[in-house]
C-alpha atoms as a PDB file:
ATOM      1  CA  MET A   1       7.746  -5.239  17.772  1.00  0.00           C
ATOM      2  CA  GLU A   2       9.316  -2.094  16.443  1.00  0.00           C
ATOM      3  CA  LYS A   3       6.605  -0.191  14.470  1.00  0.00           C
ATOM      4  CA  THR A   4       8.062   3.225  13.615  1.00  0.00           C
ATOM      5  CA  ALA A   5       9.761   4.581  10.640  1.00  0.00           C
ATOM      6  CA  SER A   6      11.576   7.743   9.716  1.00  0.00           C
ATOM      7  CA  ARG A   7       9.686  10.712   8.443  1.00  0.00           C
ATOM      8  CA  GLU A   8      11.916  10.562   5.395  1.00  0.00           C
ATOM      9  CA  LEU A   9      10.770   6.982   4.616  1.00  0.00           C
ATOM     10  CA  LEU A  10       7.085   7.776   5.103  1.00  0.00           C
ATOM     11  CA  THR A  11       7.300  10.816   2.964  1.00  0.00           C
ATOM     12  CA  GLY A  12       9.210   8.840   0.262  1.00  0.00           C
ATOM     13  CA  LEU A  13       6.815   6.040   0.448  1.00  0.00           C
ATOM     14  CA  PHE A  14       3.880   8.435   0.135  1.00  0.00           C
ATOM     15  CA  GLU A  15       5.333  10.213  -2.906  1.00  0.00           C
ATOM     16  CA  GLU A  16       6.233   6.831  -4.590  1.00  0.00           C
ATOM     17  CA  TYR A  17       2.874   5.398  -4.074  1.00  0.00           C
ATOM     18  CA  ALA A  18       1.059   8.560  -5.383  1.00  0.00           C
ATOM     19  CA  ALA A  19       3.214   8.617  -8.462  1.00  0.00           C
ATOM     20  CA  TRP A  20       2.590   4.775  -9.004  1.00  0.00           C
ATOM     21  CA  TYR A  21      -1.168   5.386  -8.953  1.00  0.00           C
ATOM     22  CA  SER A  22      -0.839   8.284 -11.416  1.00  0.00           C
ATOM     23  CA  THR A  23       1.194   5.930 -13.665  1.00  0.00           C
ATOM     24  CA  LEU A  24      -1.568   3.172 -13.377  1.00  0.00           C
ATOM     25  CA  ALA A  25      -4.288   5.607 -14.260  1.00  0.00           C
ATOM     26  CA  GLU A  26      -2.432   7.010 -17.277  1.00  0.00           C
ATOM     27  CA  GLU A  27      -1.135   3.659 -18.646  1.00  0.00           C
ATOM     28  CA  TYR A  28      -3.742   1.156 -17.672  1.00  0.00           C
ATOM     29  CA  GLY A  29      -6.821   3.063 -16.835  1.00  0.00           C
ATOM     30  CA  SER A  30      -7.257   1.232 -13.368  1.00  0.00           C
ATOM     31  CA  LEU A  31      -6.642   1.792  -9.826  1.00  0.00           C
ATOM     32  CA  PRO A  32      -6.325  -1.429  -7.805  1.00  0.00           C
ATOM     33  CA  ARG A  33      -6.622  -1.455  -4.092  1.00  0.00           C
ATOM     34  CA  SER A  34      -3.174  -2.361  -2.697  1.00  0.00           C
ATOM     35  CA  VAL A  35      -0.929  -2.222   0.274  1.00  0.00           C
ATOM     36  CA  SER A  36       2.783  -2.060   0.536  1.00  0.00           C
ATOM     37  CA  GLY A  37       4.834  -2.622   3.649  1.00  0.00           C
ATOM     38  CA  VAL A  38       8.463  -1.937   4.597  1.00  0.00           C
ATOM     39  CA  ASP A  39      10.463  -3.752   7.231  1.00  0.00           C
ATOM     40  CA  LYS A  40      13.336  -2.149   9.331  1.00  0.00           C
ATOM     41  CA  ASP A  41      15.885  -3.472   6.886  1.00  0.00           C
ATOM     42  CA  GLY A  42      14.231  -1.855   3.904  1.00  0.00           C
ATOM     43  CA  LEU A  43      12.557  -4.955   2.353  1.00  0.00           C
ATOM     44  CA  GLN A  44       9.294  -3.818   0.744  1.00  0.00           C
ATOM     45  CA  PHE A  45       6.439  -5.808  -0.556  1.00  0.00           C
ATOM     46  CA  ILE A  46       3.577  -4.714  -2.790  1.00  0.00           C
ATOM     47  CA  PHE A  47       0.213  -6.628  -2.660  1.00  0.00           C
ATOM     48  CA  LEU A  48      -2.700  -6.070  -4.939  1.00  0.00           C
ATOM     49  CA  LEU A  49      -5.756  -6.717  -2.914  1.00  0.00           C
ATOM     50  CA  ASP A  50      -8.612  -6.574  -5.476  1.00  0.00           C
ATOM     51  CA  THR A  51      -8.441 -10.399  -5.949  1.00  0.00           C
ATOM     52  CA  LEU A  52      -9.241 -11.044  -2.316  1.00  0.00           C
ATOM     53  CA  ASP A  53     -13.032 -11.986  -2.040  1.00  0.00           C
ATOM     54  CA  MET A  54     -13.471 -10.864   1.542  1.00  0.00           C
ATOM     55  CA  HIS A  55     -15.721  -8.526   3.571  1.00  0.00           C
ATOM     56  CA  HIS A  56     -13.922  -5.275   4.078  1.00  0.00           C
ATOM     57  CA  MET A  57     -13.542  -5.907   7.896  1.00  0.00           C
ATOM     58  CA  ALA A  58     -11.850  -9.294   7.211  1.00  0.00           C
ATOM     59  CA  ARG A  59      -9.735  -7.903   4.444  1.00  0.00           C
ATOM     60  CA  ASN A  60      -8.495  -5.071   6.754  1.00  0.00           C
ATOM     61  CA  LYS A  61      -7.636  -7.612   9.528  1.00  0.00           C
ATOM     62  CA  PHE A  62      -5.851  -9.741   6.851  1.00  0.00           C
ATOM     63  CA  VAL A  63      -3.715  -6.641   5.869  1.00  0.00           C
ATOM     64  CA  ARG A  64      -2.784  -6.127   9.415  1.00  0.00           C
ATOM     65  CA  PHE A  65      -1.876  -9.903   9.723  1.00  0.00           C
ATOM     66  CA  VAL A  66       0.386  -9.569   6.591  1.00  0.00           C
ATOM     67  CA  LEU A  67       2.112  -6.359   7.876  1.00  0.00           C
ATOM     68  CA  ASP A  68       2.660  -8.015  11.272  1.00  0.00           C
ATOM     69  CA  GLU A  69       3.854 -11.333   9.505  1.00  0.00           C
ATOM     70  CA  LEU A  70       6.527  -9.391   7.498  1.00  0.00           C
ATOM     71  CA  LYS A  71       7.349  -7.110  10.472  1.00  0.00           C
ATOM     72  CA  SER A  72       6.525  -4.000   8.579  1.00  0.00           C
ATOM     73  CA  VAL A  73       7.593  -0.493  10.333  1.00  0.00           C
ATOM     74  CA  ALA A  74       5.682   1.426   7.661  1.00  0.00           C
ATOM     75  CA  TYR A  75       3.156   0.930   4.978  1.00  0.00           C
ATOM     76  CA  ALA A  76       1.279   2.573   2.110  1.00  0.00           C
ATOM     77  CA  TYR A  77      -2.261   1.813   1.218  1.00  0.00           C
ATOM     78  CA  GLY A  78      -4.357   2.941  -1.764  1.00  0.00           C
ATOM     79  CA  SER A  79      -8.023   2.489  -2.329  1.00  0.00           C
ATOM     80  CA  LEU A  80     -11.016   3.838  -4.124  1.00  0.00           C
ATOM     81  CA  GLU A  81     -13.904   5.386  -2.088  1.00  0.00           C
ATOM     82  CA  LEU A  82     -17.133   7.000  -3.041  1.00  0.00           C
ATOM     83  CA  ARG A  83     -17.800  10.167  -1.325  1.00  0.00           C
ATOM     84  CA  GLY A  84     -20.945  12.396  -1.623  1.00  0.00           C
ATOM     85  CA  ASP A  85     -22.683  15.586  -0.631  1.00  0.00           C
ATOM     86  CA  SER A  86     -26.228  14.861   0.360  1.00  0.00           C
ATOM     87  CA  ASP A  87     -27.196  18.621  -0.063  1.00  0.00           C
ATOM     88  CA  GLU A  88     -25.971  18.497  -3.627  1.00  0.00           C
ATOM     89  CA  GLY A  89     -26.861  15.066  -4.438  1.00  0.00           C
ATOM     90  CA  GLN A  90     -23.473  14.398  -6.078  1.00  0.00           C
ATOM     91  CA  ILE A  91     -21.197  11.352  -5.600  1.00  0.00           C
ATOM     92  CA  GLU A  92     -17.663  11.347  -6.595  1.00  0.00           C
ATOM     93  CA  GLU A  93     -14.978   8.655  -6.832  1.00  0.00           C
ATOM     94  CA  VAL A  94     -11.834   9.298  -4.743  1.00  0.00           C
ATOM     95  CA  LEU A  95      -8.567   7.637  -4.686  1.00  0.00           C
ATOM     96  CA  ASP A  96      -7.044   7.728  -1.102  1.00  0.00           C
ATOM     97  CA  VAL A  97      -3.368   7.040  -0.470  1.00  0.00           C
ATOM     98  CA  VAL A  98      -1.854   6.807   2.933  1.00  0.00           C
ATOM     99  CA  ALA A  99       1.640   6.135   4.232  1.00  0.00           C
ATOM    100  CA  ALA A 100       2.025   5.599   7.787  1.00  0.00           C
ATOM    101  CA  ASP A 101       3.625   3.868  10.782  1.00  0.00           C
ATOM    102  CA  SER A 102       2.267   3.407  14.220  1.00  0.00           C
ATOM    103  CA  GLY A 103       2.522   6.952  15.138  1.00  0.00           C
ATOM    104  CA  TYR A 104       2.632   9.185  12.020  1.00  0.00           C
ATOM    105  CA  CYS A 105       0.417   9.412   8.919  1.00  0.00           C
ATOM    106  CA  ILE A 106       0.695  11.191   5.655  1.00  0.00           C
ATOM    107  CA  SER A 107      -2.495  10.881   3.423  1.00  0.00           C
ATOM    108  CA  GLY A 108      -3.800  12.335   0.174  1.00  0.00           C
ATOM    109  CA  SER A 109      -6.875  12.316  -1.954  1.00  0.00           C
ATOM    110  CA  TRP A 110      -7.419  12.386  -5.725  1.00  0.00           C
ATOM    111  CA  GLN A 111     -10.728  12.796  -7.472  1.00  0.00           C
ATOM    112  CA  VAL A 112     -10.877  10.032 -10.099  1.00  0.00           C
ATOM    113  CA  VAL A 113     -11.857  11.063 -13.572  1.00  0.00           C
ATOM    114  CA  ARG A 114     -13.208   8.410 -15.898  1.00  0.00           C
ATOM    115  CA  GLY A 115     -13.635   8.286 -19.742  1.00  0.00           C
ATOM    116  CA  GLU A 116     -16.563   7.184 -21.731  1.00  0.00           C
ATOM    117  CA  GLU A 117     -15.678   3.479 -21.380  1.00  0.00           C
ATOM    118  CA  GLY A 118     -15.308   3.745 -17.596  1.00  0.00           C
ATOM    119  CA  LYS A 119     -11.439   3.587 -17.692  1.00  0.00           C
ATOM    120  CA  VAL A 120      -9.577   6.068 -15.431  1.00  0.00           C
ATOM    121  CA  THR A 121      -8.332   9.011 -17.583  1.00  0.00           C
ATOM    122  CA  GLY A 122      -6.915  11.209 -14.839  1.00  0.00           C
ATOM    123  CA  LEU A 123      -6.595  12.080 -11.272  1.00  0.00           C
ATOM    124  CA  VAL A 124      -7.155  15.679  -9.660  1.00  0.00           C
ATOM    125  CA  HIS A 125      -5.467  16.155  -6.349  1.00  0.00           C
ATOM    126  CA  LEU A 126      -7.904  17.214  -3.754  1.00  0.00           C
ATOM    127  CA  GLY A 127      -5.281  17.822  -1.058  1.00  0.00           C
ATOM    128  CA  SER A 128      -2.919  16.048   1.393  1.00  0.00           C
ATOM    129  CA  ARG A 129      -2.590  16.066   5.290  1.00  0.00           C
ATOM    130  CA  GLU A 130      -0.384  14.655   7.795  1.00  0.00           C
ATOM    131  CA  GLY A 131      -0.200  14.297  11.532  1.00  0.00           C
ATOM    132  CA  THR A 132       0.360  12.185  14.664  1.00  0.00           C
ATOM    133  CA  ASP A 133      -3.178  11.454  15.526  1.00  0.00           C
ATOM    134  CA  ILE A 134      -3.442   8.606  13.101  1.00  0.00           C
ATOM    135  CA  MET A 135      -6.953   7.577  14.319  1.00  0.00           C
ATOM    136  CA  LYS A 136      -8.169  10.776  12.492  1.00  0.00           C
ATOM    137  CA  HIS A 137      -6.739   9.627   9.193  1.00  0.00           C
ATOM    138  CA  SER A 138      -8.855   7.250   7.103  1.00  0.00           C
ATOM    139  CA  GLY A 139      -6.975   4.035   6.401  1.00  0.00           C
ATOM    140  CA  SER A 140      -4.080   4.855   8.687  1.00  0.00           C
ATOM    141  CA  TRP A 141      -4.616   2.628  11.625  1.00  0.00           C
ATOM    142  CA  PHE A 142      -3.119  -0.594  10.328  1.00  0.00           C
ATOM    143  CA  LEU A 143       0.055  -0.541  12.487  1.00  0.00           C
ATOM    144  CA  ALA A 144      -1.644   1.416  15.376  1.00  0.00           C
ATOM    145  CA  GLY A 145      -3.165  -0.224  18.318  1.00  0.00           C
ATOM    146  CA  SER A 146      -3.376  -3.892  19.436  1.00  0.00           C
ATOM    147  CA  ILE A 147      -4.990  -6.473  17.228  1.00  0.00           C
ATOM    148  CA  ARG A 148      -5.443  -9.948  18.459  1.00  0.00           C
ATOM    149  CA  PHE A 149      -5.756 -13.017  16.185  1.00  0.00           C
ATOM    150  CA  SER A 150      -7.580 -16.160  17.440  1.00  0.00           C
ATOM    151  CA  GLU A 151      -5.891 -19.375  16.570  1.00  0.00           C
ATOM    152  CA  ALA A 152      -8.524 -20.006  13.789  1.00  0.00           C
ATOM    153  CA  GLU A 153      -7.823 -16.537  12.291  1.00  0.00           C
ATOM    154  CA  LYS A 154      -3.983 -17.187  12.295  1.00  0.00           C
ATOM    155  CA  ARG A 155      -4.529 -20.450  10.490  1.00  0.00           C
ATOM    156  CA  LYS A 156      -6.992 -18.920   8.058  1.00  0.00           C
ATOM    157  CA  TYR A 157      -4.839 -15.752   7.328  1.00  0.00           C
ATOM    158  CA  GLY A 158      -1.689 -17.776   7.271  1.00  0.00           C
ATOM    159  CA  SER A 159      -3.073 -20.077   4.594  1.00  0.00           C
ATOM    160  CA  LEU A 160      -4.244 -17.137   2.522  1.00  0.00           C
ATOM    161  CA  TRP A 161      -0.905 -15.453   2.880  1.00  0.00           C
ATOM    162  CA  GLU A 162       0.892 -18.616   1.722  1.00  0.00           C
ATOM    163  CA  ASP A 163      -1.452 -18.761  -1.334  1.00  0.00           C
ATOM    164  CA  ALA A 164      -0.967 -15.109  -2.121  1.00  0.00           C
ATOM    165  CA  ARG A 165       2.746 -14.882  -1.501  1.00  0.00           C
ATOM    166  CA  PRO A 166       4.120 -16.196  -4.938  1.00  0.00           C
ATOM    167  CA  GLY A 167       2.179 -13.233  -6.620  1.00  0.00           C
ATOM    168  CA  ILE A 168       3.570 -10.553  -4.277  1.00  0.00           C
ATOM    169  CA  VAL A 169       6.255  -8.205  -5.596  1.00  0.00           C
ATOM    170  CA  PHE A 170       9.194  -7.833  -3.077  1.00  0.00           C
ATOM    171  CA  LYS A 171      12.140  -5.264  -3.518  1.00  0.00           C
ATOM    172  CA  GLN A 172      15.011  -3.934  -1.354  1.00  0.00           C
ATOM    173  CA  ARG A 173      14.558  -0.148  -0.840  1.00  0.00           C
ATOM    174  CA  ASN A 174      18.254   0.202   0.045  1.00  0.00           C
ATOM    175  CA  ASP A 175      19.456  -1.247  -3.172  1.00  0.00           C
ATOM    176  CA  ALA A 176      20.826   1.295  -5.840  1.00  0.00           C
ATOM    177  CA  ASP A 177      18.566   1.693  -8.945  1.00  0.00           C
END
């Protein structure tokens, strides 16, 4: 299966996903974990993952299943992480956004700013990076390497996908806006 995309597609996907998260922060005060895949013909899906009640390892494998199922050549992934400095005893909440294919990755991190009621009130860009060694980039491995699914996993993930599919947003990237 072809799993490479143009650098232009990856850059556009990264910029769109980062802007989308900025809008979510401003308008809704929330930052859901999500994945978006794009196939070779430009069909894109966006899947909010927060409703999945799965261990993170199973969720990650399910994401790979969905990307494979939809023949994605590129994807974007956004998630919140906690990072800390043990020397300073500080923990910060960080939004990580990744756009990648099987050989190239663009990623960025934003510190999450929360208001009094716990709603997200802003994002502070901490930096972006890109490169060809995607195993060094957090969250960028979804299309790299070989993943095998047992028959039981295929049935389980296939059933989960069929249940989730009606709520997934699909759009054609090649259509004029």
